[in-house]
Amino acid sequence: MEVKFDDGACQQAGECVKGLPEVFKVVDNSFVIDTSKATEEAIRETVAKCPHGALKCVD
């Protein structure tokens, strides 16, 4: 599974970072997604909580 990020849609609500900080984080002013750090189920649940639809799971 891959997670796509739409920077233009992101309003920086931070739900992803608060929900799974080991997967979704900001490093050197860049948004980083490391899907190896959590289960697919946990990632899908967190992506679903994005209030602006900036994150999408791709199988």
PDB file of N, CA and C in Angstrom:
ATOM      1  N   MET A   1       0.828  -1.177   0.000  1.00  0.00           N
ATOM      2  CA  MET A   1       0.000   0.000   0.000  1.00  0.00           C
ATOM      3  C   MET A   1       0.881   1.252   0.000  1.00  0.00           C
ATOM      4  N   GLU A   2       0.423   2.231  -0.720  1.00  0.00           N
ATOM      5  CA  GLU A   2       1.107   3.521  -0.791  1.00  0.00           C
ATOM      6  C   GLU A   2       0.124   4.603  -0.350  1.00  0.00           C
ATOM      7  N   VAL A   3       0.629   5.663   0.246  1.00  0.00           N
ATOM      8  CA  VAL A   3      -0.199   6.801   0.630  1.00  0.00           C
ATOM      9  C   VAL A   3       0.227   7.986  -0.215  1.00  0.00           C
ATOM     10  N   LYS A   4      -0.734   8.568  -0.917  1.00  0.00           N
ATOM     11  CA  LYS A   4      -0.485   9.764  -1.732  1.00  0.00           C
ATOM     12  C   LYS A   4      -0.868  10.992  -0.914  1.00  0.00           C
ATOM     13  N   PHE A   5      -0.074  12.040  -1.078  1.00  0.00           N
ATOM     14  CA  PHE A   5      -0.293  13.295  -0.353  1.00  0.00           C
ATOM     15  C   PHE A   5      -0.496  14.421  -1.343  1.00  0.00           C
ATOM     16  N   ASP A   6      -1.608  15.161  -1.182  1.00  0.00           N
ATOM     17  CA  ASP A   6      -1.918  16.313  -2.026  1.00  0.00           C
ATOM     18  C   ASP A   6      -1.636  17.580  -1.225  1.00  0.00           C
ATOM     19  N   ASP A   7      -0.482  18.166  -1.465  1.00  0.00           N
ATOM     20  CA  ASP A   7      -0.053  19.367  -0.738  1.00  0.00           C
ATOM     21  C   ASP A   7      -1.042  20.512  -0.909  1.00  0.00           C
ATOM     22  N   GLY A   8      -1.649  20.626  -2.081  1.00  0.00           N
ATOM     23  CA  GLY A   8      -2.603  21.706  -2.342  1.00  0.00           C
ATOM     24  C   GLY A   8      -3.884  21.575  -1.534  1.00  0.00           C
ATOM     25  N   ALA A   9      -4.263  20.354  -1.183  1.00  0.00           N
ATOM     26  CA  ALA A   9      -5.484  20.129  -0.409  1.00  0.00           C
ATOM     27  C   ALA A   9      -5.239  20.209   1.095  1.00  0.00           C
ATOM     28  N   CYS A  10      -3.999  20.028   1.504  1.00  0.00           N
ATOM     29  CA  CYS A  10      -3.668  19.992   2.928  1.00  0.00           C
ATOM     30  C   CYS A  10      -3.860  21.363   3.575  1.00  0.00           C
ATOM     31  N   GLN A  11      -4.603  21.359   4.682  1.00  0.00           N
ATOM     32  CA  GLN A  11      -4.805  22.578   5.464  1.00  0.00           C
ATOM     33  C   GLN A  11      -4.084  22.496   6.810  1.00  0.00           C
ATOM     34  N   GLN A  12      -3.201  21.519   6.940  1.00  0.00           N
ATOM     35  CA  GLN A  12      -2.357  21.326   8.123  1.00  0.00           C
ATOM     36  C   GLN A  12      -3.143  21.204   9.416  1.00  0.00           C
ATOM     37  N   ALA A  13      -4.212  20.430   9.355  1.00  0.00           N
ATOM     38  CA  ALA A  13      -4.998  20.149  10.563  1.00  0.00           C
ATOM     39  C   ALA A  13      -4.204  19.282  11.528  1.00  0.00           C
ATOM     40  N   GLY A  14      -3.278  18.476  11.008  1.00  0.00           N
ATOM     41  CA  GLY A  14      -2.400  17.685  11.851  1.00  0.00           C
ATOM     42  C   GLY A  14      -2.980  16.373  12.352  1.00  0.00           C
ATOM     43  N   GLU A  15      -4.141  15.966  11.845  1.00  0.00           N
ATOM     44  CA  GLU A  15      -4.742  14.718  12.308  1.00  0.00           C
ATOM     45  C   GLU A  15      -3.837  13.520  12.025  1.00  0.00           C
ATOM     46  N   CYS A  16      -3.161  13.525  10.904  1.00  0.00           N
ATOM     47  CA  CYS A  16      -2.282  12.412  10.557  1.00  0.00           C
ATOM     48  C   CYS A  16      -1.078  12.353  11.494  1.00  0.00           C
ATOM     49  N   VAL A  17      -0.463  13.491  11.732  1.00  0.00           N
ATOM     50  CA  VAL A  17       0.718  13.554  12.591  1.00  0.00           C
ATOM     51  C   VAL A  17       0.344  13.205  14.036  1.00  0.00           C
ATOM     52  N   LYS A  18      -0.796  13.670  14.491  1.00  0.00           N
ATOM     53  CA  LYS A  18      -1.245  13.344  15.847  1.00  0.00           C
ATOM     54  C   LYS A  18      -1.641  11.875  15.960  1.00  0.00           C
ATOM     55  N   GLY A  19      -2.228  11.342  14.896  1.00  0.00           N
ATOM     56  CA  GLY A  19      -2.716   9.964  14.922  1.00  0.00           C
ATOM     57  C   GLY A  19      -1.622   8.920  14.814  1.00  0.00           C
ATOM     58  N   LEU A  20      -0.669   9.136  13.902  1.00  0.00           N
ATOM     59  CA  LEU A  20       0.429   8.189  13.702  1.00  0.00           C
ATOM     60  C   LEU A  20       1.728   8.952  13.456  1.00  0.00           C
ATOM     61  N   PRO A  21       2.299   9.529  14.494  1.00  0.00           N
ATOM     62  CA  PRO A  21       3.514  10.334  14.305  1.00  0.00           C
ATOM     63  C   PRO A  21       4.716   9.549  13.797  1.00  0.00           C
ATOM     64  N   GLU A  22       4.697   8.227  13.962  1.00  0.00           N
ATOM     65  CA  GLU A  22       5.799   7.423  13.448  1.00  0.00           C
ATOM     66  C   GLU A  22       5.696   7.219  11.931  1.00  0.00           C
ATOM     67  N   VAL A  23       4.511   7.430  11.373  1.00  0.00           N
ATOM     68  CA  VAL A  23       4.284   7.277   9.931  1.00  0.00           C
ATOM     69  C   VAL A  23       4.288   8.631   9.220  1.00  0.00           C
ATOM     70  N   PHE A  24       3.552   9.584   9.782  1.00  0.00           N
ATOM     71  CA  PHE A  24       3.395  10.908   9.173  1.00  0.00           C
ATOM     72  C   PHE A  24       4.167  11.935   9.991  1.00  0.00           C
ATOM     73  N   LYS A  25       5.160  12.566   9.365  1.00  0.00           N
ATOM     74  CA  LYS A  25       5.969  13.539  10.108  1.00  0.00           C
ATOM     75  C   LYS A  25       6.565  14.573   9.159  1.00  0.00           C
ATOM     76  N   VAL A  26       7.034  15.639   9.750  1.00  0.00           N
ATOM     77  CA  VAL A  26       7.715  16.692   8.996  1.00  0.00           C
ATOM     78  C   VAL A  26       9.194  16.607   9.345  1.00  0.00           C
ATOM     79  N   VAL A  27      10.016  16.455   8.302  1.00  0.00           N
ATOM     80  CA  VAL A  27      11.461  16.366   8.458  1.00  0.00           C
ATOM     81  C   VAL A  27      12.096  17.400   7.538  1.00  0.00           C
ATOM     82  N   ASP A  28      12.860  18.313   8.111  1.00  0.00           N
ATOM     83  CA  ASP A  28      13.508  19.380   7.328  1.00  0.00           C
ATOM     84  C   ASP A  28      12.510  20.109   6.433  1.00  0.00           C
ATOM     85  N   ASN A  29      11.370  20.472   7.005  1.00  0.00           N
ATOM     86  CA  ASN A  29      10.299  21.205   6.323  1.00  0.00           C
ATOM     87  C   ASN A  29       9.649  20.430   5.171  1.00  0.00           C
ATOM     88  N   SER A  30       9.819  19.117   5.145  1.00  0.00           N
ATOM     89  CA  SER A  30       9.183  18.274   4.130  1.00  0.00           C
ATOM     90  C   SER A  30       8.305  17.247   4.830  1.00  0.00           C
ATOM     91  N   PHE A  31       7.125  17.002   4.262  1.00  0.00           N
ATOM     92  CA  PHE A  31       6.208  16.006   4.804  1.00  0.00           C
ATOM     93  C   PHE A  31       6.691  14.624   4.379  1.00  0.00           C
ATOM     94  N   VAL A  32       6.872  13.738   5.354  1.00  0.00           N
ATOM     95  CA  VAL A  32       7.401  12.400   5.100  1.00  0.00           C
ATOM     96  C   VAL A  32       6.361  11.372   5.530  1.00  0.00           C
ATOM     97  N   ILE A  33       6.177  10.357   4.689  1.00  0.00           N
ATOM     98  CA  ILE A  33       5.261   9.259   4.999  1.00  0.00           C
ATOM     99  C   ILE A  33       6.063   7.962   4.945  1.00  0.00           C
ATOM    100  N   ASP A  34       6.105   7.241   6.063  1.00  0.00           N
ATOM    101  CA  ASP A  34       6.819   5.968   6.129  1.00  0.00           C
ATOM    102  C   ASP A  34       5.820   4.884   6.523  1.00  0.00           C
ATOM    103  N   THR A  35       5.243   4.217   5.531  1.00  0.00           N
ATOM    104  CA  THR A  35       4.201   3.229   5.788  1.00  0.00           C
ATOM    105  C   THR A  35       4.722   1.948   6.440  1.00  0.00           C
ATOM    106  N   SER A  36       6.031   1.805   6.552  1.00  0.00           N
ATOM    107  CA  SER A  36       6.576   0.611   7.190  1.00  0.00           C
ATOM    108  C   SER A  36       6.478   0.667   8.715  1.00  0.00           C
ATOM    109  N   LYS A  37       6.079   1.806   9.251  1.00  0.00           N
ATOM    110  CA  LYS A  37       6.084   2.006  10.700  1.00  0.00           C
ATOM    111  C   LYS A  37       4.759   1.694  11.395  1.00  0.00           C
ATOM    112  N   ALA A  38       3.745   1.217  10.648  1.00  0.00           N
ATOM    113  CA  ALA A  38       2.442   0.893  11.252  1.00  0.00           C
ATOM    114  C   ALA A  38       1.721  -0.115  10.369  1.00  0.00           C
ATOM    115  N   THR A  39       0.672  -0.673  10.904  1.00  0.00           N
ATOM    116  CA  THR A  39      -0.116  -1.630  10.131  1.00  0.00           C
ATOM    117  C   THR A  39      -0.927  -0.904   9.063  1.00  0.00           C
ATOM    118  N   GLU A  40      -1.283  -1.645   8.030  1.00  0.00           N
ATOM    119  CA  GLU A  40      -2.109  -1.072   6.972  1.00  0.00           C
ATOM    120  C   GLU A  40      -3.440  -0.584   7.534  1.00  0.00           C
ATOM    121  N   GLU A  41      -4.011  -1.341   8.439  1.00  0.00           N
ATOM    122  CA  GLU A  41      -5.292  -0.953   9.041  1.00  0.00           C
ATOM    123  C   GLU A  41      -5.166   0.384   9.781  1.00  0.00           C
ATOM    124  N   ALA A  42      -4.119   0.548  10.571  1.00  0.00           N
ATOM    125  CA  ALA A  42      -3.924   1.794  11.328  1.00  0.00           C
ATOM    126  C   ALA A  42      -3.707   2.970  10.383  1.00  0.00           C
ATOM    127  N   ILE A  43      -2.959   2.746   9.321  1.00  0.00           N
ATOM    128  CA  ILE A  43      -2.720   3.818   8.350  1.00  0.00           C
ATOM    129  C   ILE A  43      -4.015   4.202   7.657  1.00  0.00           C
ATOM    130  N   ARG A  44      -4.797   3.221   7.224  1.00  0.00           N
ATOM    131  CA  ARG A  44      -6.070   3.509   6.559  1.00  0.00           C
ATOM    132  C   ARG A  44      -7.012   4.288   7.479  1.00  0.00           C
ATOM    133  N   GLU A  45      -7.053   3.915   8.748  1.00  0.00           N
ATOM    134  CA  GLU A  45      -7.903   4.629   9.711  1.00  0.00           C
ATOM    135  C   GLU A  45      -7.469   6.084   9.854  1.00  0.00           C
ATOM    136  N   THR A  46      -6.179   6.313   9.914  1.00  0.00           N
ATOM    137  CA  THR A  46      -5.659   7.673  10.060  1.00  0.00           C
ATOM    138  C   THR A  46      -5.899   8.488   8.795  1.00  0.00           C
ATOM    139  N   VAL A  47      -5.664   7.890   7.638  1.00  0.00           N
ATOM    140  CA  VAL A  47      -5.909   8.585   6.362  1.00  0.00           C
ATOM    141  C   VAL A  47      -7.375   8.988   6.253  1.00  0.00           C
ATOM    142  N   ALA A  48      -8.281   8.125   6.705  1.00  0.00           N
ATOM    143  CA  ALA A  48      -9.719   8.411   6.641  1.00  0.00           C
ATOM    144  C   ALA A  48     -10.107   9.612   7.506  1.00  0.00           C
ATOM    145  N   LYS A  49      -9.294   9.940   8.492  1.00  0.00           N
ATOM    146  CA  LYS A  49      -9.579  11.068   9.385  1.00  0.00           C
ATOM    147  C   LYS A  49      -9.108  12.413   8.836  1.00  0.00           C
ATOM    148  N   CYS A  50      -8.416  12.409   7.707  1.00  0.00           N
ATOM    149  CA  CYS A  50      -7.943  13.675   7.132  1.00  0.00           C
ATOM    150  C   CYS A  50      -9.153  14.517   6.732  1.00  0.00           C
ATOM    151  N   PRO A  51      -9.352  15.663   7.375  1.00  0.00           N
ATOM    152  CA  PRO A  51     -10.569  16.446   7.126  1.00  0.00           C
ATOM    153  C   PRO A  51     -10.618  17.122   5.756  1.00  0.00           C
ATOM    154  N   HIS A  52      -9.519  17.180   5.051  1.00  0.00           N
ATOM    155  CA  HIS A  52      -9.482  17.878   3.767  1.00  0.00           C
ATOM    156  C   HIS A  52      -9.195  16.944   2.599  1.00  0.00           C
ATOM    157  N   GLY A  53      -9.082  15.648   2.867  1.00  0.00           N
ATOM    158  CA  GLY A  53      -8.852  14.692   1.800  1.00  0.00           C
ATOM    159  C   GLY A  53      -7.491  14.792   1.151  1.00  0.00           C
ATOM    160  N   ALA A  54      -6.520  15.269   1.894  1.00  0.00           N
ATOM    161  CA  ALA A  54      -5.165  15.440   1.329  1.00  0.00           C
ATOM    162  C   ALA A  54      -4.398  14.126   1.260  1.00  0.00           C
ATOM    163  N   LEU A  55      -4.887  13.105   1.956  1.00  0.00           N
ATOM    164  CA  LEU A  55      -4.234  11.799   1.958  1.00  0.00           C
ATOM    165  C   LEU A  55      -5.142  10.766   1.316  1.00  0.00           C
ATOM    166  N   LYS A  56      -4.562   9.900   0.502  1.00  0.00           N
ATOM    167  CA  LYS A  56      -5.313   8.823  -0.151  1.00  0.00           C
ATOM    168  C   LYS A  56      -4.472   7.560  -0.114  1.00  0.00           C
ATOM    169  N   CYS A  57      -5.106   6.438   0.196  1.00  0.00           N
ATOM    170  CA  CYS A  57      -4.450   5.132   0.145  1.00  0.00           C
ATOM    171  C   CYS A  57      -4.576   4.578  -1.269  1.00  0.00           C
ATOM    172  N   VAL A  58      -3.465   4.065  -1.786  1.00  0.00           N
ATOM    173  CA  VAL A  58      -3.425   3.461  -3.110  1.00  0.00           C
ATOM    174  C   VAL A  58      -2.913   2.041  -2.945  1.00  0.00           C
ATOM    175  N   ASP A  59      -3.687   1.091  -3.443  1.00  0.00           N
ATOM    176  CA  ASP A  59      -3.291  -0.318  -3.322  1.00  0.00           C
ATOM    177  C   ASP A  59      -2.359  -0.716  -4.424  1.00  0.00           C
TER     178      ASP A  59
END
